Amino acid sequence: MVANIKSPSVYILASKPRGTLYVGVTSNLVKRVWKHREGFADGFTKRHGVRTLVWYELHSTMADAMRFPFVCHGSQPSAG
């Protein structure tokens, strides 16, 4: 059973050392990482075999957590 602990989080998954990285944001880190690892998260991570949690950071609000991926990609969030 997967824990249902909610806290805004940013996380980075990897396919292998020096492999493909994925940056994500979620309100339930344990559940989301479990979905990636078990193959229940369709899309980029499933296609590229990105399953291993390599880093995470908890935030006080979802808005704060959502700013981080833009920093990683070198862009700015839209004002909308």
Protein backbone atom coordinates (compact mmCIF):
# COMPACT_ATOMS: atom_id res chain seq x y z
CA MET A 1 0.00 0.00 0.00
CA VAL A 2 1.23 3.49 -0.86
CA ALA A 3 1.24 6.18 1.82
CA ASN A 4 -1.12 9.11 1.26
CA ILE A 5 1.04 11.89 2.71
CA LYS A 6 0.44 15.17 0.93
CA SER A 7 3.12 17.83 0.72
CA PRO A 8 4.04 19.91 -2.35
CA SER A 9 7.27 18.47 -3.74
CA VAL A 10 9.68 18.80 -6.64
CA TYR A 11 11.49 15.64 -7.67
CA ILE A 12 14.04 14.40 -10.18
CA LEU A 13 13.99 10.88 -11.57
CA ALA A 14 16.72 9.21 -13.65
CA SER A 15 16.79 6.27 -16.03
CA LYS A 16 20.38 5.30 -15.10
CA PRO A 17 23.64 7.04 -14.15
CA ARG A 18 24.31 9.73 -16.79
CA GLY A 19 20.97 8.80 -18.38
CA THR A 20 17.71 10.61 -18.99
CA LEU A 21 16.38 12.94 -16.27
CA TYR A 22 12.81 13.98 -15.51
CA VAL A 23 11.78 16.89 -13.29
CA GLY A 24 8.31 16.67 -11.77
CA VAL A 25 6.03 18.42 -9.27
CA THR A 26 3.44 16.64 -7.14
CA SER A 27 1.38 17.01 -4.00
CA ASN A 28 1.99 13.38 -3.00
CA LEU A 29 5.62 12.38 -3.55
CA VAL A 30 5.43 8.79 -2.30
CA LYS A 31 2.43 7.94 -4.46
CA ARG A 32 3.82 9.67 -7.56
CA VAL A 33 7.25 8.03 -7.37
CA TRP A 34 5.56 4.66 -6.85
CA LYS A 35 3.49 5.22 -10.02
CA HIS A 36 6.63 6.05 -12.02
CA ARG A 37 8.57 3.08 -10.66
CA GLU A 38 5.76 0.59 -11.28
CA GLY A 39 5.05 1.89 -14.80
CA PHE A 40 1.60 3.36 -14.08
CA ALA A 41 2.65 6.87 -15.16
CA ASP A 42 2.22 6.93 -18.94
CA GLY A 43 4.21 9.29 -21.11
CA PHE A 44 7.82 10.45 -21.11
CA THR A 45 9.01 8.55 -18.04
CA LYS A 46 7.52 5.26 -19.19
CA ARG A 47 8.88 5.62 -22.76
CA HIS A 48 12.40 6.45 -21.52
CA GLY A 49 12.55 4.06 -18.54
CA VAL A 50 12.92 6.91 -16.02
CA ARG A 51 12.15 5.28 -12.66
CA THR A 52 14.78 6.05 -10.03
CA LEU A 53 14.28 8.93 -7.57
CA VAL A 54 17.58 10.79 -7.31
CA TRP A 55 16.53 14.04 -5.59
CA TYR A 56 13.50 15.71 -4.03
CA GLU A 57 12.64 18.89 -2.17
CA LEU A 58 9.55 19.62 -0.08
CA HIS A 59 7.84 23.02 -0.30
CA SER A 60 5.29 24.83 1.83
CA THR A 61 2.97 25.60 -1.12
CA MET A 62 2.33 24.12 -4.55
CA ALA A 63 3.06 27.52 -6.13
CA ASP A 64 6.58 27.45 -4.64
CA ALA A 65 7.12 23.90 -5.85
CA MET A 66 5.96 24.74 -9.36
CA ARG A 67 8.56 27.50 -9.75
CA PHE A 68 11.49 25.08 -9.49
CA PRO A 69 11.16 23.25 -12.85
CA PHE A 70 11.33 26.61 -14.64
CA VAL A 71 14.64 27.32 -12.92
CA CYS A 72 15.98 23.93 -14.08
CA HIS A 73 14.96 24.57 -17.65
CA GLY A 74 16.18 28.18 -17.68
CA SER A 75 12.78 29.72 -18.40
CA GLN A 76 10.22 31.74 -16.50
CA PRO A 77 6.65 30.70 -15.57
CA SER A 78 3.88 32.56 -17.37
CA ALA A 79 2.03 35.25 -15.45
CA GLY A 80 -1.31 33.47 -15.96
